[in-house]
Amino acid sequence: MKPIIKKENVATLFESKFIKVFDLQYEPGRHYYDATRRPLDKLMAVKSDEEFKKALPDAVTCIVILNIADDEPKLLLSREYRYPAGQFLLSPPAGLLDAEDEITENPILTTALREIKEETGLDISAADNLHIVSPLLFSSPGMTDESNALVCAVLNLADTAALSQDGALGCERFDGFELLTKEAARSILKTGTDSDGIFFSVYTWAAIMYFISDLWR
């Protein structure tokens, strides 16, 4: 059975608007540290099993697949600057789930629709397909409870003229799109780097795997 961590045994070590660090005392004199976006009352570590199963993710990552007229399907990725890595990394559209998203009928899909529009310029119509692949995936439960949902959007387009990164907000920085065929996606998967030899995130890896496995069909 997992150790039970009670709120009264959690101490705040650092707190700012964007990140917090908590000391999770799981036994007397034994400590584990959690870097998180969440406030104390929303920490995964102090949730009951039922609360855990109903938890929303911190963010949503979108697997965007384009069905372009007279062309083969392509996976849409962006080159987005990731500050901790110091590089433009090949990335799927993604963004944080906001407080106002939580009160909607489907918070995950609401977030996905907004982020796809902001980061690609594309709207999703009734003729397209939008579905949840995974409601919550942990990034690294060894040092953080940060999580992402995975959503797949399959868009039917006449062309790519509407693609745009002009909707970037705040600290977001982009340097163009990559539209990957299955062959190109497999090549990146095998090498573990993009065409410039730059590493990418596990969520990019997941998007590529979902695309080339045809699970989106």
N, C-alpha and C. Protein backbone atom coordinates (compact mmCIF):
# COMPACT_ATOMS: atom_id res chain seq x y z
N MET A 1 0.85 -1.20 0.00
CA MET A 1 0.00 0.00 0.00
C MET A 1 0.88 1.25 0.00
N LYS A 2 0.49 2.25 -0.77
CA LYS A 2 1.28 3.47 -0.85
C LYS A 2 1.23 4.21 0.48
N PRO A 3 2.31 4.94 0.84
CA PRO A 3 2.28 5.75 2.05
C PRO A 3 1.19 6.80 1.94
N ILE A 4 0.53 7.09 3.06
CA ILE A 4 -0.53 8.10 3.07
C ILE A 4 0.08 9.41 3.54
N ILE A 5 -0.01 10.42 2.70
CA ILE A 5 0.54 11.74 3.04
C ILE A 5 -0.62 12.66 3.39
N LYS A 6 -0.64 13.16 4.60
CA LYS A 6 -1.71 14.03 5.07
C LYS A 6 -1.30 15.49 4.90
N LYS A 7 -2.29 16.34 4.68
CA LYS A 7 -2.02 17.76 4.46
C LYS A 7 -1.19 18.36 5.59
N GLU A 8 -1.48 17.93 6.82
CA GLU A 8 -0.76 18.50 7.97
C GLU A 8 0.71 18.10 8.00
N ASN A 9 1.08 17.10 7.18
CA ASN A 9 2.47 16.67 7.11
C ASN A 9 3.18 17.19 5.86
N VAL A 10 2.57 18.19 5.21
CA VAL A 10 3.17 18.81 4.04
C VAL A 10 3.60 20.23 4.40
N ALA A 11 4.86 20.54 4.16
CA ALA A 11 5.39 21.88 4.45
C ALA A 11 5.75 22.59 3.15
N THR A 12 5.46 23.88 3.08
CA THR A 12 5.80 24.68 1.91
C THR A 12 7.23 25.17 2.04
N LEU A 13 8.09 24.81 1.08
CA LEU A 13 9.48 25.24 1.10
C LEU A 13 9.71 26.48 0.23
N PHE A 14 8.95 26.59 -0.85
CA PHE A 14 9.08 27.74 -1.76
C PHE A 14 7.75 27.93 -2.47
N GLU A 15 7.36 29.19 -2.66
CA GLU A 15 6.10 29.45 -3.32
C GLU A 15 6.18 30.73 -4.13
N SER A 16 5.82 30.65 -5.42
CA SER A 16 5.72 31.82 -6.28
C SER A 16 4.47 31.66 -7.13
N LYS A 17 4.24 32.60 -8.01
CA LYS A 17 3.04 32.55 -8.85
C LYS A 17 3.03 31.33 -9.75
N PHE A 18 4.20 30.91 -10.23
CA PHE A 18 4.26 29.87 -11.26
C PHE A 18 4.75 28.52 -10.77
N ILE A 19 5.45 28.47 -9.64
CA ILE A 19 6.00 27.19 -9.18
C ILE A 19 6.05 27.17 -7.66
N LYS A 20 5.89 25.97 -7.11
CA LYS A 20 5.95 25.78 -5.67
C LYS A 20 6.76 24.53 -5.38
N VAL A 21 7.38 24.47 -4.21
CA VAL A 21 8.09 23.27 -3.78
C VAL A 21 7.57 22.89 -2.40
N PHE A 22 7.11 21.64 -2.29
CA PHE A 22 6.58 21.14 -1.02
C PHE A 22 7.44 20.01 -0.48
N ASP A 23 7.51 19.93 0.85
CA ASP A 23 8.16 18.83 1.55
C ASP A 23 7.05 17.87 1.97
N LEU A 24 7.05 16.68 1.37
CA LEU A 24 6.05 15.66 1.68
C LEU A 24 6.63 14.70 2.72
N GLN A 25 6.24 14.85 3.98
CA GLN A 25 6.73 13.94 5.01
C GLN A 25 5.83 12.71 5.03
N TYR A 26 6.33 11.61 4.48
CA TYR A 26 5.49 10.43 4.33
C TYR A 26 5.62 9.47 5.50
N GLU A 27 6.68 9.64 6.31
CA GLU A 27 6.85 8.92 7.57
C GLU A 27 7.62 9.85 8.50
N PRO A 28 7.59 9.65 9.82
CA PRO A 28 8.34 10.53 10.72
C PRO A 28 9.82 10.59 10.33
N GLY A 29 10.29 11.80 10.06
CA GLY A 29 11.70 11.99 9.71
C GLY A 29 12.05 11.66 8.28
N ARG A 30 11.07 11.28 7.47
CA ARG A 30 11.33 10.93 6.07
C ARG A 30 10.61 11.91 5.14
N HIS A 31 11.38 12.44 4.20
CA HIS A 31 10.88 13.55 3.40
C HIS A 31 11.04 13.27 1.90
N TYR A 32 10.04 13.72 1.13
CA TYR A 32 10.11 13.67 -0.33
C TYR A 32 9.71 15.05 -0.84
N TYR A 33 10.32 15.49 -1.93
CA TYR A 33 10.11 16.86 -2.38
C TYR A 33 9.38 16.89 -3.71
N ASP A 34 8.45 17.83 -3.81
CA ASP A 34 7.55 17.91 -4.96
C ASP A 34 7.58 19.32 -5.52
N ALA A 35 8.07 19.46 -6.76
CA ALA A 35 8.01 20.75 -7.49
C ALA A 35 6.75 20.73 -8.33
N THR A 36 5.89 21.72 -8.17
CA THR A 36 4.55 21.64 -8.75
C THR A 36 3.98 23.02 -9.07
N ARG A 37 3.00 23.04 -9.95
CA ARG A 37 2.22 24.25 -10.20
C ARG A 37 1.05 24.37 -9.22
N ARG A 38 0.72 23.28 -8.54
CA ARG A 38 -0.51 23.20 -7.77
C ARG A 38 -0.38 23.80 -6.37
N PRO A 39 -1.47 24.40 -5.87
CA PRO A 39 -1.49 24.80 -4.46
C PRO A 39 -1.66 23.57 -3.58
N LEU A 40 -1.46 23.75 -2.29
CA LEU A 40 -1.49 22.62 -1.36
C LEU A 40 -2.79 21.83 -1.45
N ASP A 41 -3.93 22.51 -1.55
CA ASP A 41 -5.20 21.79 -1.52
C ASP A 41 -5.48 21.01 -2.80
N LYS A 42 -4.64 21.19 -3.85
CA LYS A 42 -4.82 20.44 -5.08
C LYS A 42 -3.66 19.49 -5.37
N LEU A 43 -2.74 19.33 -4.44
CA LEU A 43 -1.63 18.40 -4.63
C LEU A 43 -2.14 16.98 -4.85
N MET A 44 -1.55 16.29 -5.81
CA MET A 44 -1.92 14.90 -6.04
C MET A 44 -1.63 14.04 -4.81
N ALA A 45 -0.55 14.35 -4.11
CA ALA A 45 -0.09 13.50 -3.01
C ALA A 45 -1.09 13.42 -1.85
N VAL A 46 -1.95 14.43 -1.69
CA VAL A 46 -2.87 14.44 -0.55
C VAL A 46 -4.30 14.08 -0.96
N LYS A 47 -4.50 13.73 -2.22
CA LYS A 47 -5.84 13.37 -2.68
C LYS A 47 -6.21 11.95 -2.23
N SER A 48 -7.49 11.76 -1.94
CA SER A 48 -7.99 10.40 -1.73
C SER A 48 -8.01 9.67 -3.07
N ASP A 49 -8.20 8.36 -3.03
CA ASP A 49 -8.24 7.60 -4.28
C ASP A 49 -9.34 8.12 -5.21
N GLU A 50 -10.50 8.44 -4.66
CA GLU A 50 -11.60 8.93 -5.48
C GLU A 50 -11.29 10.30 -6.07
N GLU A 51 -10.68 11.19 -5.27
CA GLU A 51 -10.29 12.51 -5.76
C GLU A 51 -9.24 12.38 -6.85
N PHE A 52 -8.30 11.47 -6.64
CA PHE A 52 -7.23 11.23 -7.62
C PHE A 52 -7.81 10.82 -8.97
N LYS A 53 -8.76 9.93 -8.96
CA LYS A 53 -9.34 9.41 -10.19
C LYS A 53 -10.13 10.46 -10.97
N LYS A 54 -10.56 11.52 -10.27
CA LYS A 54 -11.35 12.57 -10.91
C LYS A 54 -10.51 13.83 -11.21
N ALA A 55 -9.21 13.77 -10.94
CA ALA A 55 -8.36 14.95 -11.07
C ALA A 55 -8.23 15.40 -12.52
N LEU A 56 -8.12 16.70 -12.70
CA LEU A 56 -7.85 17.27 -14.02
C LEU A 56 -6.34 17.46 -14.20
N PRO A 57 -5.85 17.42 -15.43
CA PRO A 57 -4.43 17.64 -15.67
C PRO A 57 -4.07 19.11 -15.54
N ASP A 58 -2.78 19.39 -15.46
CA ASP A 58 -2.31 20.77 -15.44
C ASP A 58 -2.39 21.40 -16.82
N ALA A 59 -2.22 20.58 -17.85
CA ALA A 59 -2.15 21.10 -19.22
C ALA A 59 -2.69 20.07 -20.20
N VAL A 60 -2.82 20.50 -21.44
CA VAL A 60 -3.30 19.61 -22.50
C VAL A 60 -2.32 19.70 -23.67
N THR A 61 -1.89 18.54 -24.16
CA THR A 61 -1.05 18.45 -25.35
C THR A 61 -1.89 17.89 -26.49
N CYS A 62 -1.77 18.51 -27.66
CA CYS A 62 -2.66 18.18 -28.79
C CYS A 62 -1.90 17.49 -29.93
N ILE A 63 -2.37 16.33 -30.32
CA ILE A 63 -1.84 15.61 -31.48
C ILE A 63 -2.68 16.05 -32.67
N VAL A 64 -2.13 16.94 -33.48
CA VAL A 64 -2.90 17.53 -34.58
C VAL A 64 -2.49 16.86 -35.89
N ILE A 65 -3.46 16.22 -36.53
CA ILE A 65 -3.21 15.50 -37.79
C ILE A 65 -4.03 16.18 -38.88
N LEU A 66 -3.36 16.52 -39.97
CA LEU A 66 -4.01 17.22 -41.07
C LEU A 66 -4.29 16.29 -42.23
N ASN A 67 -5.56 16.21 -42.59
CA ASN A 67 -5.97 15.53 -43.82
C ASN A 67 -6.11 16.61 -44.88
N ILE A 68 -5.07 16.79 -45.68
CA ILE A 68 -5.05 17.84 -46.69
C ILE A 68 -5.48 17.25 -48.03
N ALA A 69 -6.33 17.96 -48.72
CA ALA A 69 -6.86 17.47 -50.01
C ALA A 69 -5.73 17.07 -50.95
N ASP A 70 -5.87 15.89 -51.57
CA ASP A 70 -4.92 15.38 -52.55
C ASP A 70 -3.51 15.20 -51.97
N ASP A 71 -3.43 14.90 -50.68
CA ASP A 71 -2.12 14.69 -50.05
C ASP A 71 -2.29 13.63 -48.97
N GLU A 72 -1.18 13.05 -48.52
CA GLU A 72 -1.26 12.07 -47.44
C GLU A 72 -1.40 12.79 -46.10
N PRO A 73 -1.97 12.14 -45.08
CA PRO A 73 -2.10 12.76 -43.76
C PRO A 73 -0.73 13.14 -43.20
N LYS A 74 -0.72 14.26 -42.45
CA LYS A 74 0.53 14.75 -41.88
C LYS A 74 0.33 15.15 -40.43
N LEU A 75 1.37 14.92 -39.62
CA LEU A 75 1.37 15.34 -38.22
C LEU A 75 1.90 16.76 -38.15
N LEU A 76 1.15 17.64 -37.50
CA LEU A 76 1.53 19.04 -37.38
C LEU A 76 2.28 19.28 -36.08
N LEU A 77 3.53 19.67 -36.19
CA LEU A 77 4.35 20.05 -35.02
C LEU A 77 4.91 21.45 -35.23
N SER A 78 5.27 22.08 -34.14
CA SER A 78 5.87 23.42 -34.19
C SER A 78 7.28 23.38 -33.64
N ARG A 79 8.05 24.38 -34.01
CA ARG A 79 9.33 24.60 -33.33
C ARG A 79 9.09 25.68 -32.29
N GLU A 80 9.05 25.25 -31.03
CA GLU A 80 8.74 26.17 -29.93
C GLU A 80 9.94 26.28 -28.99
N TYR A 81 10.25 27.53 -28.62
CA TYR A 81 11.39 27.74 -27.71
C TYR A 81 11.01 27.27 -26.31
N ARG A 82 11.82 26.38 -25.77
CA ARG A 82 11.61 25.86 -24.42
C ARG A 82 12.73 26.39 -23.54
N TYR A 83 12.37 27.25 -22.63
CA TYR A 83 13.37 27.99 -21.85
C TYR A 83 14.32 27.09 -21.05
N PRO A 84 13.84 26.07 -20.34
CA PRO A 84 14.79 25.23 -19.59
C PRO A 84 15.79 24.50 -20.49
N ALA A 85 15.36 24.18 -21.72
CA ALA A 85 16.27 23.49 -22.65
C ALA A 85 17.14 24.47 -23.42
N GLY A 86 16.69 25.73 -23.53
CA GLY A 86 17.46 26.73 -24.26
C GLY A 86 17.48 26.51 -25.76
N GLN A 87 16.46 25.83 -26.29
CA GLN A 87 16.42 25.48 -27.71
C GLN A 87 14.98 25.57 -28.23
N PHE A 88 14.86 25.74 -29.55
CA PHE A 88 13.57 25.54 -30.20
C PHE A 88 13.39 24.03 -30.38
N LEU A 89 12.41 23.46 -29.69
CA LEU A 89 12.18 22.02 -29.74
C LEU A 89 10.94 21.70 -30.57
N LEU A 90 11.01 20.60 -31.28
CA LEU A 90 9.88 20.12 -32.06
C LEU A 90 8.77 19.72 -31.08
N SER A 91 7.61 20.39 -31.16
CA SER A 91 6.60 20.26 -30.12
C SER A 91 5.18 20.23 -30.69
N PRO A 92 4.27 19.47 -30.05
CA PRO A 92 2.87 19.56 -30.40
C PRO A 92 2.27 20.82 -29.78
N PRO A 93 1.16 21.33 -30.30
CA PRO A 93 0.47 22.43 -29.63
C PRO A 93 0.06 22.01 -28.22
N ALA A 94 0.25 22.90 -27.26
CA ALA A 94 -0.06 22.54 -25.87
C ALA A 94 -0.23 23.80 -25.04
N GLY A 95 -0.92 23.66 -23.92
CA GLY A 95 -1.08 24.80 -23.04
C GLY A 95 -1.74 24.40 -21.74
N LEU A 96 -1.65 25.30 -20.76
CA LEU A 96 -2.19 25.05 -19.44
C LEU A 96 -3.72 25.06 -19.44
N LEU A 97 -4.28 24.24 -18.59
CA LEU A 97 -5.72 24.24 -18.35
C LEU A 97 -6.01 25.34 -17.35
N ASP A 98 -6.77 26.35 -17.78
CA ASP A 98 -7.04 27.53 -16.95
C ASP A 98 -8.22 27.29 -16.01
N ALA A 99 -8.31 28.16 -15.01
CA ALA A 99 -9.40 28.03 -14.04
C ALA A 99 -10.77 28.10 -14.70
N GLU A 100 -10.90 28.98 -15.70
CA GLU A 100 -12.19 29.09 -16.39
C GLU A 100 -12.51 27.86 -17.23
N ASP A 101 -11.48 27.10 -17.62
CA ASP A 101 -11.71 25.85 -18.36
C ASP A 101 -12.34 24.79 -17.45
N GLU A 102 -11.97 24.82 -16.18
CA GLU A 102 -12.41 23.79 -15.23
C GLU A 102 -13.91 23.76 -15.04
N ILE A 103 -14.57 24.87 -15.28
CA ILE A 103 -16.02 24.93 -15.03
C ILE A 103 -16.83 24.68 -16.30
N THR A 104 -16.17 24.35 -17.40
CA THR A 104 -16.88 24.04 -18.64
C THR A 104 -17.31 22.58 -18.64
N GLU A 105 -18.13 22.21 -19.61
CA GLU A 105 -18.64 20.84 -19.68
C GLU A 105 -17.52 19.84 -19.89
N ASN A 106 -16.53 20.19 -20.70
CA ASN A 106 -15.39 19.30 -20.93
C ASN A 106 -14.11 20.14 -20.89
N PRO A 107 -13.51 20.29 -19.70
CA PRO A 107 -12.35 21.16 -19.55
C PRO A 107 -11.18 20.82 -20.47
N ILE A 108 -10.95 19.54 -20.71
CA ILE A 108 -9.80 19.11 -21.51
C ILE A 108 -9.98 19.53 -22.97
N LEU A 109 -11.16 19.26 -23.52
CA LEU A 109 -11.40 19.62 -24.91
C LEU A 109 -11.50 21.13 -25.08
N THR A 110 -12.03 21.83 -24.10
CA THR A 110 -12.08 23.30 -24.15
C THR A 110 -10.68 23.88 -24.26
N THR A 111 -9.76 23.35 -23.45
CA THR A 111 -8.37 23.80 -23.49
C THR A 111 -7.74 23.48 -24.84
N ALA A 112 -8.00 22.28 -25.34
CA ALA A 112 -7.42 21.86 -26.62
C ALA A 112 -7.86 22.78 -27.75
N LEU A 113 -9.14 23.10 -27.82
CA LEU A 113 -9.65 23.98 -28.87
C LEU A 113 -8.95 25.34 -28.84
N ARG A 114 -8.79 25.89 -27.64
CA ARG A 114 -8.15 27.20 -27.52
C ARG A 114 -6.68 27.15 -27.94
N GLU A 115 -5.97 26.14 -27.46
CA GLU A 115 -4.54 26.07 -27.75
C GLU A 115 -4.26 25.80 -29.23
N ILE A 116 -5.06 24.98 -29.85
CA ILE A 116 -4.88 24.73 -31.28
C ILE A 116 -5.08 26.02 -32.06
N LYS A 117 -6.11 26.78 -31.70
CA LYS A 117 -6.37 28.05 -32.39
C LYS A 117 -5.22 29.02 -32.17
N GLU A 118 -4.75 29.17 -30.94
CA GLU A 118 -3.70 30.13 -30.63
C GLU A 118 -2.38 29.78 -31.32
N GLU A 119 -2.03 28.49 -31.32
CA GLU A 119 -0.70 28.09 -31.75
C GLU A 119 -0.61 27.66 -33.21
N THR A 120 -1.76 27.42 -33.84
CA THR A 120 -1.73 27.01 -35.25
C THR A 120 -2.59 27.89 -36.15
N GLY A 121 -3.50 28.66 -35.57
CA GLY A 121 -4.43 29.47 -36.35
C GLY A 121 -5.61 28.70 -36.90
N LEU A 122 -5.70 27.42 -36.57
CA LEU A 122 -6.75 26.56 -37.16
C LEU A 122 -7.97 26.44 -36.24
N ASP A 123 -9.13 26.49 -36.83
CA ASP A 123 -10.39 26.23 -36.14
C ASP A 123 -10.82 24.80 -36.43
N ILE A 124 -11.49 24.21 -35.46
CA ILE A 124 -11.99 22.85 -35.64
C ILE A 124 -13.48 22.91 -35.93
N SER A 125 -13.90 22.30 -37.03
CA SER A 125 -15.29 22.35 -37.47
C SER A 125 -15.99 21.03 -37.14
N ALA A 126 -17.29 20.99 -37.41
CA ALA A 126 -18.07 19.79 -37.17
C ALA A 126 -17.62 18.62 -38.05
N ALA A 127 -16.94 18.93 -39.15
CA ALA A 127 -16.47 17.88 -40.06
C ALA A 127 -15.16 17.25 -39.57
N ASP A 128 -14.56 17.85 -38.56
CA ASP A 128 -13.30 17.34 -38.03
C ASP A 128 -13.56 16.42 -36.84
N ASN A 129 -12.50 15.82 -36.34
CA ASN A 129 -12.63 14.91 -35.20
C ASN A 129 -11.73 15.37 -34.06
N LEU A 130 -12.30 15.46 -32.87
CA LEU A 130 -11.55 15.85 -31.68
C LEU A 130 -11.88 14.87 -30.57
N HIS A 131 -10.87 14.19 -30.03
CA HIS A 131 -11.14 13.22 -28.97
C HIS A 131 -9.97 13.13 -27.99
N ILE A 132 -10.29 12.70 -26.78
CA ILE A 132 -9.28 12.55 -25.73
C ILE A 132 -8.57 11.21 -25.91
N VAL A 133 -7.26 11.25 -25.96
CA VAL A 133 -6.44 10.04 -26.04
C VAL A 133 -6.14 9.53 -24.64
N SER A 134 -5.75 10.44 -23.75
CA SER A 134 -5.48 10.09 -22.36
C SER A 134 -5.86 11.28 -21.48
N PRO A 135 -6.65 11.08 -20.42
CA PRO A 135 -7.10 12.21 -19.60
C PRO A 135 -6.02 12.80 -18.70
N LEU A 136 -4.98 12.03 -18.39
CA LEU A 136 -3.92 12.57 -17.52
C LEU A 136 -2.70 11.67 -17.58
N LEU A 137 -1.57 12.27 -17.95
CA LEU A 137 -0.28 11.57 -17.96
C LEU A 137 0.71 12.38 -17.14
N PHE A 138 1.41 11.73 -16.22
CA PHE A 138 2.41 12.43 -15.43
C PHE A 138 3.68 12.65 -16.24
N SER A 139 4.26 13.84 -16.10
CA SER A 139 5.51 14.13 -16.79
C SER A 139 6.67 13.39 -16.14
N SER A 140 6.73 13.43 -14.81
CA SER A 140 7.79 12.75 -14.08
C SER A 140 7.39 12.68 -12.61
N PRO A 141 6.65 11.65 -12.20
CA PRO A 141 6.18 11.59 -10.82
C PRO A 141 7.30 11.38 -9.81
N GLY A 142 8.55 11.26 -10.28
CA GLY A 142 9.66 11.17 -9.36
C GLY A 142 10.05 12.50 -8.75
N MET A 143 9.68 13.62 -9.39
CA MET A 143 10.05 14.92 -8.79
C MET A 143 8.94 15.95 -8.91
N THR A 144 7.86 15.63 -9.61
CA THR A 144 6.76 16.57 -9.76
C THR A 144 5.47 15.82 -10.03
N ASP A 145 4.34 16.45 -9.68
CA ASP A 145 3.05 15.85 -10.03
C ASP A 145 2.47 16.51 -11.28
N GLU A 146 3.30 17.25 -12.01
CA GLU A 146 2.82 17.91 -13.22
C GLU A 146 2.30 16.88 -14.22
N SER A 147 1.22 17.24 -14.94
CA SER A 147 0.60 16.27 -15.83
C SER A 147 0.01 16.97 -17.05
N ASN A 148 -0.17 16.18 -18.10
CA ASN A 148 -0.80 16.63 -19.33
C ASN A 148 -1.86 15.61 -19.75
N ALA A 149 -2.96 16.09 -20.29
CA ALA A 149 -3.87 15.23 -21.03
C ALA A 149 -3.37 15.19 -22.47
N LEU A 150 -3.68 14.13 -23.18
CA LEU A 150 -3.42 14.04 -24.61
C LEU A 150 -4.74 14.08 -25.36
N VAL A 151 -4.84 14.98 -26.33
CA VAL A 151 -6.03 15.10 -27.17
C VAL A 151 -5.60 14.97 -28.63
N CYS A 152 -6.39 14.27 -29.43
CA CYS A 152 -6.11 14.17 -30.86
C CYS A 152 -7.14 14.98 -31.64
N ALA A 153 -6.65 15.78 -32.57
CA ALA A 153 -7.51 16.55 -33.48
C ALA A 153 -7.16 16.17 -34.91
N VAL A 154 -8.14 15.66 -35.64
CA VAL A 154 -7.95 15.33 -37.05
C VAL A 154 -8.74 16.35 -37.86
N LEU A 155 -8.01 17.20 -38.60
CA LEU A 155 -8.64 18.30 -39.34
C LEU A 155 -8.60 18.03 -40.83
N ASN A 156 -9.71 18.28 -41.49
CA ASN A 156 -9.81 18.13 -42.94
C ASN A 156 -9.67 19.50 -43.58
N LEU A 157 -8.60 19.68 -44.37
CA LEU A 157 -8.29 20.98 -44.94
C LEU A 157 -8.13 20.92 -46.45
N ALA A 158 -8.51 22.00 -47.10
CA ALA A 158 -8.25 22.12 -48.54
C ALA A 158 -6.78 22.44 -48.77
N ASP A 159 -6.20 23.25 -47.87
CA ASP A 159 -4.79 23.62 -47.96
C ASP A 159 -4.34 24.10 -46.59
N THR A 160 -3.09 24.56 -46.49
CA THR A 160 -2.53 24.98 -45.21
C THR A 160 -2.40 26.50 -45.09
N ALA A 161 -3.16 27.22 -45.89
CA ALA A 161 -3.03 28.69 -45.91
C ALA A 161 -3.35 29.33 -44.57
N ALA A 162 -4.22 28.69 -43.78
CA ALA A 162 -4.64 29.29 -42.50
C ALA A 162 -3.64 29.09 -41.38
N LEU A 163 -2.60 28.27 -41.61
CA LEU A 163 -1.62 28.03 -40.55
C LEU A 163 -0.93 29.32 -40.14
N SER A 164 -0.88 29.56 -38.83
CA SER A 164 -0.28 30.80 -38.33
C SER A 164 0.16 30.61 -36.88
N GLN A 165 1.25 31.28 -36.52
CA GLN A 165 1.71 31.29 -35.13
C GLN A 165 1.59 32.69 -34.52
N ASP A 166 0.76 33.51 -35.13
CA ASP A 166 0.57 34.88 -34.65
C ASP A 166 -0.19 34.95 -33.33
N GLY A 167 -0.82 33.85 -32.92
CA GLY A 167 -1.58 33.85 -31.68
C GLY A 167 -0.75 33.58 -30.45
N ALA A 168 0.58 33.51 -30.58
CA ALA A 168 1.46 33.25 -29.43
C ALA A 168 1.24 34.29 -28.34
N LEU A 169 1.18 33.82 -27.08
CA LEU A 169 0.92 34.70 -25.95
C LEU A 169 2.07 34.68 -24.96
N GLY A 170 2.23 35.78 -24.23
CA GLY A 170 3.19 35.83 -23.14
C GLY A 170 4.60 35.49 -23.57
N CYS A 171 5.19 34.49 -22.92
CA CYS A 171 6.58 34.11 -23.18
C CYS A 171 6.71 33.13 -24.34
N GLU A 172 5.61 32.79 -25.01
CA GLU A 172 5.67 31.81 -26.10
C GLU A 172 6.45 32.36 -27.29
N ARG A 173 7.36 31.54 -27.81
CA ARG A 173 8.15 31.91 -29.00
C ARG A 173 8.16 30.72 -29.95
N PHE A 174 7.84 30.98 -31.22
CA PHE A 174 7.79 29.92 -32.23
C PHE A 174 8.69 30.26 -33.41
N ASP A 175 9.11 29.21 -34.10
CA ASP A 175 9.96 29.39 -35.28
C ASP A 175 9.52 28.43 -36.39
N GLY A 176 8.23 28.49 -36.72
CA GLY A 176 7.73 27.72 -37.85
C GLY A 176 7.13 26.37 -37.49
N PHE A 177 6.56 25.75 -38.51
CA PHE A 177 5.89 24.45 -38.38
C PHE A 177 6.71 23.35 -39.05
N GLU A 178 6.44 22.12 -38.63
CA GLU A 178 6.91 20.92 -39.32
C GLU A 178 5.69 20.06 -39.61
N LEU A 179 5.45 19.74 -40.87
CA LEU A 179 4.37 18.83 -41.25
C LEU A 179 5.01 17.51 -41.65
N LEU A 180 4.84 16.51 -40.78
CA LEU A 180 5.55 15.25 -40.96
C LEU A 180 4.70 14.19 -41.63
N THR A 181 5.22 13.60 -42.68
CA THR A 181 4.62 12.40 -43.24
C THR A 181 4.96 11.23 -42.31
N LYS A 182 4.34 10.09 -42.54
CA LYS A 182 4.67 8.91 -41.73
C LYS A 182 6.16 8.57 -41.84
N GLU A 183 6.68 8.65 -43.05
CA GLU A 183 8.09 8.31 -43.27
C GLU A 183 9.00 9.25 -42.47
N ALA A 184 8.72 10.55 -42.53
CA ALA A 184 9.53 11.53 -41.80
C ALA A 184 9.39 11.33 -40.30
N ALA A 185 8.17 11.02 -39.85
CA ALA A 185 7.94 10.80 -38.43
C ALA A 185 8.70 9.58 -37.92
N ARG A 186 8.70 8.50 -38.71
CA ARG A 186 9.45 7.30 -38.32
C ARG A 186 10.94 7.60 -38.23
N SER A 187 11.45 8.40 -39.17
CA SER A 187 12.88 8.74 -39.17
C SER A 187 13.26 9.47 -37.89
N ILE A 188 12.43 10.44 -37.49
CA ILE A 188 12.70 11.20 -36.27
C ILE A 188 12.63 10.29 -35.05
N LEU A 189 11.65 9.37 -35.06
CA LEU A 189 11.50 8.44 -33.95
C LEU A 189 12.74 7.55 -33.80
N LYS A 190 13.28 7.10 -34.93
CA LYS A 190 14.44 6.21 -34.88
C LYS A 190 15.70 6.92 -34.40
N THR A 191 15.90 8.17 -34.84
CA THR A 191 17.12 8.88 -34.47
C THR A 191 17.03 9.51 -33.08
N GLY A 192 15.80 9.81 -32.63
CA GLY A 192 15.64 10.46 -31.33
C GLY A 192 15.91 11.95 -31.36
N THR A 193 16.09 12.50 -32.56
CA THR A 193 16.30 13.94 -32.72
C THR A 193 15.53 14.42 -33.94
N ASP A 194 15.36 15.75 -34.04
CA ASP A 194 14.71 16.29 -35.23
C ASP A 194 15.72 16.37 -36.37
N SER A 195 15.31 16.97 -37.48
CA SER A 195 16.18 17.02 -38.67
C SER A 195 17.44 17.86 -38.44
N ASP A 196 17.47 18.68 -37.38
CA ASP A 196 18.65 19.47 -37.04
C ASP A 196 19.48 18.84 -35.93
N GLY A 197 19.12 17.62 -35.52
CA GLY A 197 19.86 16.93 -34.47
C GLY A 197 19.51 17.37 -33.06
N ILE A 198 18.35 18.04 -32.90
CA ILE A 198 17.93 18.54 -31.59
C ILE A 198 16.97 17.55 -30.95
N PHE A 199 17.16 17.30 -29.65
CA PHE A 199 16.29 16.39 -28.91
C PHE A 199 14.89 16.99 -28.76
N PHE A 200 13.92 16.15 -28.38
CA PHE A 200 12.56 16.64 -28.19
C PHE A 200 11.94 15.99 -26.96
N SER A 201 10.72 16.44 -26.61
CA SER A 201 10.10 15.99 -25.37
C SER A 201 9.39 14.64 -25.54
N VAL A 202 9.05 14.03 -24.41
CA VAL A 202 8.33 12.77 -24.43
C VAL A 202 6.93 12.94 -25.03
N TYR A 203 6.37 14.15 -24.94
CA TYR A 203 5.04 14.37 -25.52
C TYR A 203 5.12 14.44 -27.05
N THR A 204 6.22 14.93 -27.59
CA THR A 204 6.44 14.87 -29.03
C THR A 204 6.57 13.41 -29.46
N TRP A 205 7.31 12.64 -28.69
CA TRP A 205 7.46 11.20 -28.96
C TRP A 205 6.10 10.51 -28.96
N ALA A 206 5.25 10.84 -27.98
CA ALA A 206 3.92 10.24 -27.89
C ALA A 206 3.07 10.63 -29.10
N ALA A 207 3.15 11.89 -29.52
CA ALA A 207 2.38 12.34 -30.68
C ALA A 207 2.80 11.59 -31.94
N ILE A 208 4.11 11.42 -32.12
CA ILE A 208 4.61 10.69 -33.28
C ILE A 208 4.14 9.24 -33.25
N MET A 209 4.24 8.61 -32.09
CA MET A 209 3.82 7.21 -31.97
C MET A 209 2.33 7.04 -32.29
N TYR A 210 1.51 7.96 -31.78
CA TYR A 210 0.07 7.87 -32.02
C TYR A 210 -0.23 8.03 -33.52
N PHE A 211 0.52 8.92 -34.14
CA PHE A 211 0.33 9.19 -35.57
C PHE A 211 0.73 7.98 -36.42
N ILE A 212 1.94 7.46 -36.23
CA ILE A 212 2.42 6.40 -37.12
C ILE A 212 1.75 5.06 -36.84
N SER A 213 1.16 4.90 -35.66
CA SER A 213 0.48 3.64 -35.33
C SER A 213 -0.94 3.57 -35.89
N ASP A 214 -1.41 4.71 -36.43
CA ASP A 214 -2.77 4.80 -36.99
C ASP A 214 -3.87 4.66 -35.95
N LEU A 215 -3.54 4.86 -34.68
CA LEU A 215 -4.57 4.81 -33.64
C LEU A 215 -5.56 5.96 -33.79
N TRP A 216 -5.17 7.00 -34.51
CA TRP A 216 -6.04 8.15 -34.68
C TRP A 216 -7.17 7.89 -35.68
N ARG A 217 -7.04 6.86 -36.48
CA ARG A 217 -8.03 6.63 -37.54
C ARG A 217 -9.35 6.08 -36.97
